[in-house]
């Protein structure tokens, strides 16, 4: 029964290796800081949330590019010439 906390801890620590998760946690912490009444301006929270969202999107785009690089190349399609329709 002592394995359960060890496995749970290992899973949590493994999840924290994700850059997207760490940025999401930092962004959420900034939003909660403003919500609980710390002296944080709305502009700062919006900047942190905006930057966090753009970083997560950039990392997802990077990951998709790495994944696409390992896929087999598909033959290109010829674009039909639609300008000279008689």
PDB file of N, CA and C in Angstrom:
ATOM      1  N   UNK A   1       0.816  -1.193   0.000  1.00  0.00           N
ATOM      2  CA  UNK A   1       0.000   0.000   0.000  1.00  0.00           C
ATOM      3  C   UNK A   1       0.865   1.265   0.000  1.00  0.00           C
ATOM      4  N   UNK A   2       2.106   1.136   0.394  1.00  0.00           N
ATOM      5  CA  UNK A   2       2.990   2.289   0.389  1.00  0.00           C
ATOM      6  C   UNK A   2       3.461   2.628  -1.016  1.00  0.00           C
ATOM      7  N   UNK A   3       3.188   1.754  -1.986  1.00  0.00           N
ATOM      8  CA  UNK A   3       3.582   2.026  -3.361  1.00  0.00           C
ATOM      9  C   UNK A   3       2.732   3.115  -3.996  1.00  0.00           C
ATOM     10  N   UNK A   4       1.499   3.256  -3.549  1.00  0.00           N
ATOM     11  CA  UNK A   4       0.602   4.235  -4.145  1.00  0.00           C
ATOM     12  C   UNK A   4       1.122   5.664  -4.008  1.00  0.00           C
ATOM     13  N   UNK A   5       1.529   6.112  -2.818  1.00  0.00           N
ATOM     14  CA  UNK A   5       2.072   7.474  -2.743  1.00  0.00           C
ATOM     15  C   UNK A   5       3.352   7.643  -3.568  1.00  0.00           C
ATOM     16  N   UNK A   6       4.167   6.613  -3.635  1.00  0.00           N
ATOM     17  CA  UNK A   6       5.397   6.684  -4.417  1.00  0.00           C
ATOM     18  C   UNK A   6       5.078   6.810  -5.902  1.00  0.00           C
ATOM     19  N   UNK A   7       4.133   6.024  -6.372  1.00  0.00           N
ATOM     20  CA  UNK A   7       3.744   6.097  -7.780  1.00  0.00           C
ATOM     21  C   UNK A   7       3.094   7.431  -8.103  1.00  0.00           C
ATOM     22  N   UNK A   8       2.261   7.919  -7.205  1.00  0.00           N
ATOM     23  CA  UNK A   8       1.608   9.204  -7.413  1.00  0.00           C
ATOM     24  C   UNK A   8       2.637  10.334  -7.463  1.00  0.00           C
ATOM     25  N   UNK A   9       3.587  10.310  -6.551  1.00  0.00           N
ATOM     26  CA  UNK A   9       4.642  11.322  -6.535  1.00  0.00           C
ATOM     27  C   UNK A   9       5.464  11.259  -7.813  1.00  0.00           C
ATOM     28  N   UNK A  10       5.794  10.051  -8.257  1.00  0.00           N
ATOM     29  CA  UNK A  10       6.574   9.895  -9.485  1.00  0.00           C
ATOM     30  C   UNK A  10       5.812  10.432 -10.686  1.00  0.00           C
ATOM     31  N   UNK A  11       4.514  10.167 -10.749  1.00  0.00           N
ATOM     32  CA  UNK A  11       3.706  10.677 -11.864  1.00  0.00           C
ATOM     33  C   UNK A  11       3.619  12.201 -11.853  1.00  0.00           C
ATOM     34  N   UNK A  12       3.452  12.782 -10.668  1.00  0.00           N
ATOM     35  CA  UNK A  12       3.386  14.234 -10.572  1.00  0.00           C
ATOM     36  C   UNK A  12       4.704  14.885 -10.981  1.00  0.00           C
ATOM     37  N   UNK A  13       5.808  14.328 -10.507  1.00  0.00           N
ATOM     38  CA  UNK A  13       7.111  14.882 -10.864  1.00  0.00           C
ATOM     39  C   UNK A  13       7.399  14.693 -12.348  1.00  0.00           C
ATOM     40  N   UNK A  14       6.968  13.584 -12.908  1.00  0.00           N
ATOM     41  CA  UNK A  14       7.161  13.371 -14.339  1.00  0.00           C
ATOM     42  C   UNK A  14       6.338  14.381 -15.149  1.00  0.00           C
ATOM     43  N   UNK A  15       5.150  14.696 -14.676  1.00  0.00           N
ATOM     44  CA  UNK A  15       4.310  15.674 -15.369  1.00  0.00           C
ATOM     45  C   UNK A  15       4.916  17.067 -15.330  1.00  0.00           C
ATOM     46  N   UNK A  16       5.626  17.389 -14.268  1.00  0.00           N
ATOM     47  CA  UNK A  16       6.221  18.721 -14.148  1.00  0.00           C
ATOM     48  C   UNK A  16       7.407  18.919 -15.083  1.00  0.00           C
ATOM     49  N   UNK A  17       7.852  17.873 -15.753  1.00  0.00           N
ATOM     50  CA  UNK A  17       8.911  18.036 -16.743  1.00  0.00           C
ATOM     51  C   UNK A  17       8.387  18.661 -18.022  1.00  0.00           C
ATOM     52  N   UNK A  18       7.080  18.716 -18.188  1.00  0.00           N
ATOM     53  CA  UNK A  18       6.465  19.306 -19.374  1.00  0.00           C
ATOM     54  C   UNK A  18       6.550  20.825 -19.308  1.00  0.00           C
ATOM     55  N   UNK A  19       7.104  21.436 -20.352  1.00  0.00           N
ATOM     56  CA  UNK A  19       7.196  22.898 -20.382  1.00  0.00           C
ATOM     57  C   UNK A  19       5.812  23.541 -20.437  1.00  0.00           C
ATOM     58  N   UNK A  20       4.905  22.920 -21.177  1.00  0.00           N
ATOM     59  CA  UNK A  20       3.553  23.485 -21.284  1.00  0.00           C
ATOM     60  C   UNK A  20       2.851  23.496 -19.934  1.00  0.00           C
ATOM     61  N   UNK A  21       3.007  22.435 -19.155  1.00  0.00           N
ATOM     62  CA  UNK A  21       2.365  22.378 -17.849  1.00  0.00           C
ATOM     63  C   UNK A  21       2.958  23.414 -16.898  1.00  0.00           C
ATOM     64  N   UNK A  22       4.281  23.571 -16.909  1.00  0.00           N
ATOM     65  CA  UNK A  22       4.903  24.562 -16.021  1.00  0.00           C
ATOM     66  C   UNK A  22       4.457  25.975 -16.368  1.00  0.00           C
ATOM     67  N   UNK A  23       4.343  26.288 -17.651  1.00  0.00           N
ATOM     68  CA  UNK A  23       3.881  27.617 -18.052  1.00  0.00           C
ATOM     69  C   UNK A  23       2.421  27.799 -17.663  1.00  0.00           C
ATOM     70  N   UNK A  24       1.613  26.763 -17.836  1.00  0.00           N
ATOM     71  CA  UNK A  24       0.200  26.848 -17.448  1.00  0.00           C
ATOM     72  C   UNK A  24       0.057  27.073 -15.946  1.00  0.00           C
ATOM     73  N   UNK A  25       0.879  26.397 -15.143  1.00  0.00           N
ATOM     74  CA  UNK A  25       0.827  26.595 -13.691  1.00  0.00           C
ATOM     75  C   UNK A  25       1.250  28.012 -13.304  1.00  0.00           C
ATOM     76  N   UNK A  26       2.288  28.534 -13.936  1.00  0.00           N
ATOM     77  CA  UNK A  26       2.733  29.896 -13.633  1.00  0.00           C
ATOM     78  C   UNK A  26       1.677  30.917 -14.037  1.00  0.00           C
ATOM     79  N   UNK A  27       1.051  30.699 -15.174  1.00  0.00           N
ATOM     80  CA  UNK A  27      -0.001  31.607 -15.644  1.00  0.00           C
ATOM     81  C   UNK A  27      -1.201  31.564 -14.697  1.00  0.00           C
ATOM     82  N   UNK A  28      -1.573  30.371 -14.272  1.00  0.00           N
ATOM     83  CA  UNK A  28      -2.684  30.220 -13.336  1.00  0.00           C
ATOM     84  C   UNK A  28      -2.356  30.853 -11.993  1.00  0.00           C
ATOM     85  N   UNK A  29      -1.125  30.700 -11.527  1.00  0.00           N
ATOM     86  CA  UNK A  29      -0.716  31.308 -10.257  1.00  0.00           C
ATOM     87  C   UNK A  29      -0.807  32.833 -10.329  1.00  0.00           C
ATOM     88  N   UNK A  30      -0.435  33.416 -11.448  1.00  0.00           N
ATOM     89  CA  UNK A  30      -0.537  34.868 -11.602  1.00  0.00           C
ATOM     90  C   UNK A  30      -1.994  35.322 -11.586  1.00  0.00           C
ATOM     91  N   UNK A  31      -2.854  34.563 -12.237  1.00  0.00           N
ATOM     92  CA  UNK A  31      -4.274  34.914 -12.252  1.00  0.00           C
ATOM     93  C   UNK A  31      -4.879  34.797 -10.853  1.00  0.00           C
ATOM     94  N   UNK A  32      -4.504  33.750 -10.112  1.00  0.00           N
ATOM     95  CA  UNK A  32      -5.012  33.602  -8.749  1.00  0.00           C
ATOM     96  C   UNK A  32      -4.460  34.674  -7.822  1.00  0.00           C
ATOM     97  N   UNK A  33      -3.230  35.121  -8.047  1.00  0.00           N
ATOM     98  CA  UNK A  33      -2.652  36.179  -7.213  1.00  0.00           C
ATOM     99  C   UNK A  33      -3.485  37.446  -7.304  1.00  0.00           C
ATOM    100  N   UNK A  34      -3.938  37.768  -8.489  1.00  0.00           N
ATOM    101  CA  UNK A  34      -4.792  38.938  -8.647  1.00  0.00           C
ATOM    102  C   UNK A  34      -6.171  38.692  -8.042  1.00  0.00           C
ATOM    103  N   UNK A  35      -6.651  37.467  -8.151  1.00  0.00           N
ATOM    104  CA  UNK A  35      -7.992  37.144  -7.666  1.00  0.00           C
ATOM    105  C   UNK A  35      -8.082  37.204  -6.143  1.00  0.00           C
ATOM    106  N   UNK A  36      -7.030  36.780  -5.438  1.00  0.00           N
ATOM    107  CA  UNK A  36      -7.104  36.745  -3.975  1.00  0.00           C
ATOM    108  C   UNK A  36      -6.769  38.086  -3.338  1.00  0.00           C
ATOM    109  N   UNK A  37      -6.461  39.073  -4.150  1.00  0.00           N
ATOM    110  CA  UNK A  37      -6.310  40.404  -3.606  1.00  0.00           C
ATOM    111  C   UNK A  37      -4.888  40.903  -3.447  1.00  0.00           C
ATOM    112  N   UNK A  38      -3.909  40.178  -3.972  1.00  0.00           N
ATOM    113  CA  UNK A  38      -2.559  40.716  -3.948  1.00  0.00           C
ATOM    114  C   UNK A  38      -2.500  41.943  -4.850  1.00  0.00           C
ATOM    115  N   UNK A  39      -1.590  42.811  -4.581  1.00  0.00           N
ATOM    116  CA  UNK A  39      -1.512  44.078  -5.311  1.00  0.00           C
ATOM    117  C   UNK A  39      -0.894  43.837  -6.692  1.00  0.00           C
ATOM    118  N   UNK A  40      -1.684  43.250  -7.591  1.00  0.00           N
ATOM    119  CA  UNK A  40      -1.258  42.964  -8.953  1.00  0.00           C
ATOM    120  C   UNK A  40      -2.232  43.670  -9.887  1.00  0.00           C
ATOM    121  N   UNK A  41      -1.700  44.451 -10.813  1.00  0.00           N
ATOM    122  CA  UNK A  41      -2.583  45.197 -11.718  1.00  0.00           C
ATOM    123  C   UNK A  41      -3.188  44.260 -12.762  1.00  0.00           C
ATOM    124  N   UNK A  42      -4.307  44.695 -13.290  1.00  0.00           N
ATOM    125  CA  UNK A  42      -5.001  43.898 -14.300  1.00  0.00           C
ATOM    126  C   UNK A  42      -4.155  43.803 -15.567  1.00  0.00           C
ATOM    127  N   UNK A  43      -3.427  44.857 -15.893  1.00  0.00           N
ATOM    128  CA  UNK A  43      -2.582  44.838 -17.083  1.00  0.00           C
ATOM    129  C   UNK A  43      -1.470  43.796 -16.959  1.00  0.00           C
ATOM    130  N   UNK A  44      -0.895  43.682 -15.759  1.00  0.00           N
ATOM    131  CA  UNK A  44       0.159  42.691 -15.547  1.00  0.00           C
ATOM    132  C   UNK A  44      -0.387  41.283 -15.682  1.00  0.00           C
ATOM    133  N   UNK A  45      -1.569  41.042 -15.122  1.00  0.00           N
ATOM    134  CA  UNK A  45      -2.168  39.709 -15.234  1.00  0.00           C
ATOM    135  C   UNK A  45      -2.468  39.389 -16.690  1.00  0.00           C
ATOM    136  N   UNK A  46      -3.016  40.342 -17.428  1.00  0.00           N
ATOM    137  CA  UNK A  46      -3.310  40.111 -18.843  1.00  0.00           C
ATOM    138  C   UNK A  46      -2.033  39.866 -19.635  1.00  0.00           C
ATOM    139  N   UNK A  47      -0.965  40.573 -19.297  1.00  0.00           N
ATOM    140  CA  UNK A  47       0.310  40.351 -19.980  1.00  0.00           C
ATOM    141  C   UNK A  47       0.848  38.952 -19.690  1.00  0.00           C
ATOM    142  N   UNK A  48       0.791  38.531 -18.442  1.00  0.00           N
ATOM    143  CA  UNK A  48       1.291  37.205 -18.073  1.00  0.00           C
ATOM    144  C   UNK A  48       0.457  36.113 -18.735  1.00  0.00           C
ATOM    145  N   UNK A  49      -0.851  36.269 -18.714  1.00  0.00           N
ATOM    146  CA  UNK A  49      -1.724  35.266 -19.330  1.00  0.00           C
ATOM    147  C   UNK A  49      -1.510  35.240 -20.849  1.00  0.00           C
ATOM    148  N   UNK A  50      -1.379  36.394 -21.462  1.00  0.00           N
ATOM    149  CA  UNK A  50      -1.149  36.446 -22.908  1.00  0.00           C
ATOM    150  C   UNK A  50       0.176  35.827 -23.308  1.00  0.00           C
ATOM    151  N   UNK A  51       1.219  36.147 -22.572  1.00  0.00           N
ATOM    152  CA  UNK A  51       2.531  35.573 -22.869  1.00  0.00           C
ATOM    153  C   UNK A  51       2.513  34.070 -22.617  1.00  0.00           C
ATOM    154  N   UNK A  52       1.868  33.644 -21.538  1.00  0.00           N
ATOM    155  CA  UNK A  52       1.774  32.212 -21.249  1.00  0.00           C
ATOM    156  C   UNK A  52       1.048  31.461 -22.351  1.00  0.00           C
ATOM    157  N   UNK A  53      -0.052  32.039 -22.818  1.00  0.00           N
ATOM    158  CA  UNK A  53      -0.811  31.385 -23.888  1.00  0.00           C
ATOM    159  C   UNK A  53       0.008  31.306 -25.170  1.00  0.00           C
ATOM    160  N   UNK A  54       0.729  32.371 -25.496  1.00  0.00           N
ATOM    161  CA  UNK A  54       1.534  32.343 -26.714  1.00  0.00           C
ATOM    162  C   UNK A  54       2.704  31.369 -26.590  1.00  0.00           C
ATOM    163  N   UNK A  55       3.288  31.254 -25.407  1.00  0.00           N
ATOM    164  CA  UNK A  55       4.361  30.277 -25.215  1.00  0.00           C
ATOM    165  C   UNK A  55       3.843  28.848 -25.362  1.00  0.00           C
ATOM    166  N   UNK A  56       2.681  28.575 -24.784  1.00  0.00           N
ATOM    167  CA  UNK A  56       2.105  27.233 -24.904  1.00  0.00           C
ATOM    168  C   UNK A  56       1.798  26.919 -26.364  1.00  0.00           C
ATOM    169  N   UNK A  57       1.257  27.889 -27.090  1.00  0.00           N
ATOM    170  CA  UNK A  57       0.966  27.685 -28.506  1.00  0.00           C
ATOM    171  C   UNK A  57       2.254  27.461 -29.295  1.00  0.00           C
ATOM    172  N   UNK A  58       3.302  28.217 -28.980  1.00  0.00           N
ATOM    173  CA  UNK A  58       4.574  28.037 -29.666  1.00  0.00           C
ATOM    174  C   UNK A  58       5.186  26.670 -29.409  1.00  0.00           C
ATOM    175  N   UNK A  59       5.113  26.207 -28.175  1.00  0.00           N
ATOM    176  CA  UNK A  59       5.647  24.884 -27.845  1.00  0.00           C
ATOM    177  C   UNK A  59       4.843  23.797 -28.556  1.00  0.00           C
ATOM    178  N   UNK A  60       3.529  23.960 -28.612  1.00  0.00           N
ATOM    179  CA  UNK A  60       2.695  22.980 -29.316  1.00  0.00           C
ATOM    180  C   UNK A  60       3.038  22.962 -30.806  1.00  0.00           C
ATOM    181  N   UNK A  61       3.289  24.129 -31.383  1.00  0.00           N
ATOM    182  CA  UNK A  61       3.674  24.212 -32.792  1.00  0.00           C
ATOM    183  C   UNK A  61       5.031  23.533 -33.018  1.00  0.00           C
ATOM    184  N   UNK A  62       5.951  23.758 -32.106  1.00  0.00           N
ATOM    185  CA  UNK A  62       7.265  23.119 -32.178  1.00  0.00           C
ATOM    186  C   UNK A  62       7.143  21.598 -32.089  1.00  0.00           C
ATOM    187  N   UNK A  63       6.321  21.130 -31.168  1.00  0.00           N
ATOM    188  CA  UNK A  63       6.115  19.688 -31.017  1.00  0.00           C
ATOM    189  C   UNK A  63       5.480  19.088 -32.271  1.00  0.00           C
ATOM    190  N   UNK A  64       4.545  19.801 -32.875  1.00  0.00           N
ATOM    191  CA  UNK A  64       3.901  19.306 -34.096  1.00  0.00           C
ATOM    192  C   UNK A  64       4.907  19.239 -35.238  1.00  0.00           C
ATOM    193  N   UNK A  65       5.825  20.212 -35.297  1.00  0.00           N
ATOM    194  CA  UNK A  65       6.856  20.181 -36.333  1.00  0.00           C
ATOM    195  C   UNK A  65       7.797  19.009 -36.156  1.00  0.00           C
ATOM    196  N   UNK A  66       8.159  18.707 -34.914  1.00  0.00           N
ATOM    197  CA  UNK A  66       9.020  17.549 -34.653  1.00  0.00           C
ATOM    198  C   UNK A  66       8.309  16.262 -35.052  1.00  0.00           C
ATOM    199  N   UNK A  67       7.006  16.196 -34.764  1.00  0.00           N
ATOM    200  CA  UNK A  67       6.238  14.998 -35.103  1.00  0.00           C
ATOM    201  C   UNK A  67       6.124  14.859 -36.619  1.00  0.00           C
ATOM    202  N   UNK A  68       5.879  15.958 -37.319  1.00  0.00           N
ATOM    203  CA  UNK A  68       5.714  15.916 -38.768  1.00  0.00           C
ATOM    204  C   UNK A  68       7.023  15.559 -39.467  1.00  0.00           C
ATOM    205  N   UNK A  69       8.153  15.886 -38.867  1.00  0.00           N
ATOM    206  CA  UNK A  69       9.447  15.573 -39.482  1.00  0.00           C
ATOM    207  C   UNK A  69       9.688  14.074 -39.537  1.00  0.00           C
ATOM    208  N   UNK A  70       9.058  13.310 -38.663  1.00  0.00           N
ATOM    209  CA  UNK A  70       9.255  11.867 -38.625  1.00  0.00           C
ATOM    210  C   UNK A  70       8.228  11.100 -39.467  1.00  0.00           C
ATOM    211  N   UNK A  71       7.261  11.793 -40.032  1.00  0.00           N
ATOM    212  CA  UNK A  71       6.268  11.125 -40.865  1.00  0.00           C
ATOM    213  C   UNK A  71       6.834  10.909 -42.267  1.00  0.00           C
ATOM    214  N   UNK A  72       6.410   9.852 -42.956  1.00  0.00           N
ATOM    215  CA  UNK A  72       6.885   9.650 -44.329  1.00  0.00           C
ATOM    216  C   UNK A  72       6.338  10.750 -45.245  1.00  0.00           C
ATOM    217  N   UNK A  73       7.143  11.130 -46.203  1.00  0.00           N
ATOM    218  CA  UNK A  73       6.737  12.179 -47.139  1.00  0.00           C
ATOM    219  C   UNK A  73       5.677  11.651 -48.088  1.00  0.00           C
ATOM    220  N   UNK A  74       4.641  12.442 -48.304  1.00  0.00           N
ATOM    221  CA  UNK A  74       3.589  12.078 -49.240  1.00  0.00           C
ATOM    222  C   UNK A  74       3.880  12.769 -50.566  1.00  0.00           C
ATOM    223  N   UNK A  75       3.540  12.102 -51.664  1.00  0.00           N
ATOM    224  CA  UNK A  75       3.795  12.746 -52.956  1.00  0.00           C
ATOM    225  C   UNK A  75       2.943  14.005 -53.109  1.00  0.00           C
ATOM    226  N   UNK A  76       3.532  15.021 -53.698  1.00  0.00           N
ATOM    227  CA  UNK A  76       2.824  16.283 -53.888  1.00  0.00           C
ATOM    228  C   UNK A  76       1.747  16.168 -54.945  1.00  0.00           C
ATOM    229  N   UNK A  77       0.710  16.963 -54.797  1.00  0.00           N
ATOM    230  CA  UNK A  77      -0.367  16.965 -55.783  1.00  0.00           C
ATOM    231  C   UNK A  77      -0.092  18.050 -56.801  1.00  0.00           C
ATOM    232  N   UNK A  78      -0.468  17.775 -58.013  1.00  0.00           N
ATOM    233  CA  UNK A  78      -0.375  18.775 -59.068  1.00  0.00           C
ATOM    234  C   UNK A  78      -1.595  19.689 -58.963  1.00  0.00           C
ATOM    235  N   UNK A  79      -1.368  20.978 -59.029  1.00  0.00           N
ATOM    236  CA  UNK A  79      -2.481  21.921 -59.010  1.00  0.00           C
ATOM    237  C   UNK A  79      -2.989  22.065 -60.429  1.00  0.00           C
ATOM    238  N   UNK A  80      -4.262  21.801 -60.664  1.00  0.00           N
ATOM    239  CA  UNK A  80      -4.778  21.939 -62.030  1.00  0.00           C
ATOM    240  C   UNK A  80      -4.782  23.412 -62.448  1.00  0.00           C
ATOM    241  N   UNK A  81      -4.552  23.609 -63.725  1.00  0.00           N
ATOM    242  CA  UNK A  81      -4.537  24.961 -64.258  1.00  0.00           C
ATOM    243  C   UNK A  81      -5.999  25.389 -64.494  1.00  0.00           C
ATOM    244  N   UNK A  82      -6.512  26.206 -63.614  1.00  0.00           N
ATOM    245  CA  UNK A  82      -7.910  26.622 -63.718  1.00  0.00           C
ATOM    246  C   UNK A  82      -8.081  27.969 -64.384  1.00  0.00           C
ATOM    247  N   UNK A  83      -6.970  28.607 -64.728  1.00  0.00           N
ATOM    248  CA  UNK A  83      -7.067  29.933 -65.350  1.00  0.00           C
ATOM    249  C   UNK A  83      -7.496  29.857 -66.811  1.00  0.00           C
ATOM    250  N   UNK A  84      -7.137  28.786 -67.497  1.00  0.00           N
ATOM    251  CA  UNK A  84      -7.404  28.687 -68.942  1.00  0.00           C
ATOM    252  C   UNK A  84      -8.570  27.764 -69.232  1.00  0.00           C
ATOM    253  N   UNK A  85      -9.696  28.011 -68.588  1.00  0.00           N
ATOM    254  CA  UNK A  85     -10.872  27.192 -68.844  1.00  0.00           C
ATOM    255  C   UNK A  85     -11.551  27.729 -70.090  1.00  0.00           C
ATOM    256  N   UNK A  86     -11.732  26.834 -71.078  1.00  0.00           N
ATOM    257  CA  UNK A  86     -12.320  27.258 -72.343  1.00  0.00           C
ATOM    258  C   UNK A  86     -13.785  27.004 -72.381  1.00  0.00           C
TER     259      UNK A  86
END
